[in-house]
Amino acid sequence: MQSAQESKQELQAAIRYAENAISSAKTTIESMEFRQEMAKKDYQKQTSLEVALEKQNHKLMDESVKLKNEIAKLKKENANLEALVQGQADDEQVLRDRIEGFRNENRSLLDEVENLKIELKDQREFDEEVRQGVNDFLDYLDTIGYERP
């Protein structure tokens, strides 16, 4: 059998082994508790971040909807303005066409005025020649002694 001394040493070795195991287990438990605490904090941070990001996402989605509505409104307004501009361009073309018609009519009238001036000048020259002819004829009648009634 073993001696009491050996049994005592074995027991002390077993106790040291058990104390080391307990100490190691305590360290492991502390490490696990620390990790669990860190994991909780990380989870809380992540959850807080997710909540903040979710709020920001909703805010951005609302802003996006507002901007899309504003874009649609501006597109409609732009289409109306384009239609107005096209209408004004059409009106401008109508006016340009009318102006060109007036210019052509004016040219025709100016040509007619020039022709009338030439015709008037010719008529005056003709009238002057007729007057001169009548005067010459009257002078001739006077020279031959014809008495006028």
Protein backbone atom coordinates (compact mmCIF):
# COMPACT_ATOMS: atom_id res chain seq x y z
CA MET A 1 0.00 0.00 0.00
CA GLN A 2 0.99 3.46 -0.31
CA SER A 3 2.19 5.42 2.48
CA ALA A 4 0.23 8.23 3.96
CA GLN A 5 2.89 10.61 2.71
CA GLU A 6 2.47 9.45 -0.85
CA SER A 7 -1.29 9.56 -0.57
CA LYS A 8 -1.03 13.05 0.86
CA GLN A 9 1.22 14.12 -2.00
CA GLU A 10 -1.12 12.57 -4.51
CA LEU A 11 -4.01 14.34 -2.88
CA GLN A 12 -2.11 17.62 -2.84
CA ALA A 13 -1.19 17.08 -6.50
CA ALA A 14 -4.81 16.29 -7.26
CA ILE A 15 -5.87 19.39 -5.31
CA ARG A 16 -3.33 21.54 -7.21
CA TYR A 17 -4.52 19.98 -10.43
CA ALA A 18 -8.13 20.69 -9.44
CA GLU A 19 -7.23 24.22 -8.31
CA ASN A 20 -5.44 24.79 -11.65
CA ALA A 21 -8.45 23.39 -13.47
CA ILE A 22 -10.76 25.62 -11.42
CA SER A 23 -8.51 28.62 -12.05
CA SER A 24 -8.38 27.78 -15.75
CA ALA A 25 -12.16 27.33 -15.79
CA LYS A 26 -12.61 30.67 -13.98
CA THR A 27 -10.32 32.35 -16.56
CA THR A 28 -12.25 30.71 -19.36
CA ILE A 29 -15.55 31.78 -17.77
CA GLU A 30 -14.24 35.34 -17.31
CA SER A 31 -13.04 35.35 -20.92
CA MET A 32 -16.39 34.01 -22.10
CA GLU A 33 -18.24 36.58 -19.95
CA PHE A 34 -16.00 39.31 -21.38
CA ARG A 35 -16.65 38.07 -24.91
CA GLN A 36 -20.36 37.84 -24.18
CA GLU A 37 -20.34 41.38 -22.79
CA MET A 38 -18.43 42.62 -25.87
CA ALA A 39 -20.84 40.72 -28.11
CA LYS A 40 -23.77 42.38 -26.27
CA LYS A 41 -22.19 45.80 -26.71
CA ASP A 42 -21.46 45.08 -30.39
CA TYR A 43 -25.03 43.85 -30.81
CA GLN A 44 -26.38 46.97 -29.11
CA LYS A 45 -24.15 49.18 -31.27
CA GLN A 46 -25.22 47.28 -34.36
CA THR A 47 -28.87 47.47 -33.32
CA SER A 48 -28.55 51.19 -32.62
CA LEU A 49 -26.78 51.66 -35.93
CA GLU A 50 -29.47 49.64 -37.70
CA VAL A 51 -32.18 51.77 -36.08
CA ALA A 52 -30.36 54.97 -37.07
CA LEU A 53 -29.81 53.66 -40.58
CA GLU A 54 -33.45 52.62 -40.81
CA LYS A 55 -34.54 56.13 -39.77
CA GLN A 56 -32.14 57.67 -42.26
CA ASN A 57 -33.38 55.26 -44.93
CA HIS A 58 -37.01 56.28 -44.28
CA LYS A 59 -36.03 59.94 -44.35
CA LEU A 60 -34.16 59.45 -47.64
CA MET A 61 -37.06 57.47 -49.10
CA ASP A 62 -39.46 60.28 -48.16
CA GLU A 63 -37.09 62.81 -49.67
CA SER A 64 -36.77 60.63 -52.77
CA VAL A 65 -40.56 60.53 -53.15
CA LYS A 66 -40.73 64.32 -52.77
CA LEU A 67 -37.97 64.77 -55.33
CA LYS A 68 -39.65 62.36 -57.76
CA ASN A 69 -42.90 64.31 -57.36
CA GLU A 70 -41.02 67.57 -57.91
CA ILE A 71 -39.33 66.10 -61.00
CA ALA A 72 -42.70 64.98 -62.37
CA LYS A 73 -44.11 68.46 -61.69
CA LEU A 74 -41.12 70.11 -63.38
CA LYS A 75 -41.37 67.74 -66.36
CA LYS A 76 -45.04 68.63 -66.75
CA GLU A 77 -44.24 72.33 -66.43
CA ASN A 78 -41.42 71.91 -68.95
CA ALA A 79 -43.78 70.16 -71.37
CA ASN A 80 -46.27 73.03 -70.96
CA LEU A 81 -43.51 75.57 -71.55
CA GLU A 82 -42.28 73.65 -74.60
CA ALA A 83 -45.82 73.65 -75.96
CA LEU A 84 -46.07 77.38 -75.28
CA VAL A 85 -42.73 78.00 -76.97
CA GLN A 86 -43.80 75.88 -79.94
CA GLY A 87 -47.06 77.84 -80.12
CA GLN A 88 -45.11 81.09 -80.05
CA ALA A 89 -42.75 79.76 -82.71
CA ASP A 90 -45.76 78.84 -84.84
CA ASP A 91 -47.26 82.30 -84.26
CA GLU A 92 -43.91 83.85 -85.14
CA GLN A 93 -43.79 81.86 -88.37
CA VAL A 94 -47.33 82.97 -89.23
CA LEU A 95 -46.30 86.58 -88.59
CA ARG A 96 -43.12 86.15 -90.65
CA ASP A 97 -45.19 84.70 -93.49
CA ARG A 98 -47.63 87.63 -93.23
CA ILE A 99 -44.72 90.10 -93.20
CA GLU A 100 -43.28 88.43 -96.29
CA GLY A 101 -46.72 88.66 -97.93
CA PHE A 102 -46.90 92.36 -97.04
CA ARG A 103 -43.40 92.88 -98.41
CA ASN A 104 -44.33 91.17 -101.66
CA GLU A 105 -47.54 93.21 -101.85
CA ASN A 106 -45.54 96.35 -101.04
CA ARG A 107 -43.06 95.52 -103.82
CA SER A 108 -45.97 95.05 -106.22
CA LEU A 109 -47.49 98.35 -105.12
CA LEU A 110 -44.14 100.12 -105.47
CA ASP A 111 -43.77 98.67 -108.94
CA GLU A 112 -47.31 99.83 -109.75
CA VAL A 113 -46.55 103.31 -108.35
CA GLU A 114 -43.41 103.47 -110.54
CA ASN A 115 -45.42 102.39 -113.56
CA LEU A 116 -48.08 105.00 -112.72
CA LYS A 117 -45.36 107.66 -112.36
CA ILE A 118 -43.99 106.72 -115.77
CA GLU A 119 -47.51 106.68 -117.20
CA LEU A 120 -48.26 110.07 -115.60
CA LYS A 121 -45.02 111.50 -116.96
CA ASP A 122 -45.86 110.12 -120.40
CA GLN A 123 -49.41 111.50 -120.06
CA ARG A 124 -48.08 114.95 -119.08
CA GLU A 125 -45.66 114.89 -122.00
CA PHE A 126 -48.52 113.86 -124.26
CA ASP A 127 -50.77 116.57 -122.77
CA GLU A 128 -47.99 119.12 -123.29
CA GLU A 129 -47.55 117.99 -126.89
CA VAL A 130 -51.34 118.18 -127.44
CA ARG A 131 -51.45 121.65 -125.83
CA GLN A 132 -48.51 122.72 -127.94
CA GLY A 133 -50.21 121.27 -130.99
CA VAL A 134 -53.47 123.08 -130.19
CA ASN A 135 -51.58 126.34 -129.59
CA ASP A 136 -49.66 125.87 -132.81
CA PHE A 137 -52.93 125.17 -134.63
CA LEU A 138 -54.58 128.21 -133.06
CA ASP A 139 -51.57 130.33 -134.04
CA TYR A 140 -51.87 128.95 -137.56
CA LEU A 141 -55.57 129.81 -137.62
CA ASP A 142 -54.72 133.31 -136.44
CA THR A 143 -52.12 133.67 -139.15
CA ILE A 144 -54.53 132.66 -141.86
CA GLY A 145 -57.18 135.00 -140.57
CA TYR A 146 -59.71 132.53 -139.28
CA GLU A 147 -62.02 133.99 -136.77
CA ARG A 148 -63.09 131.94 -133.93
CA PRO A 149 -66.77 131.77 -133.04
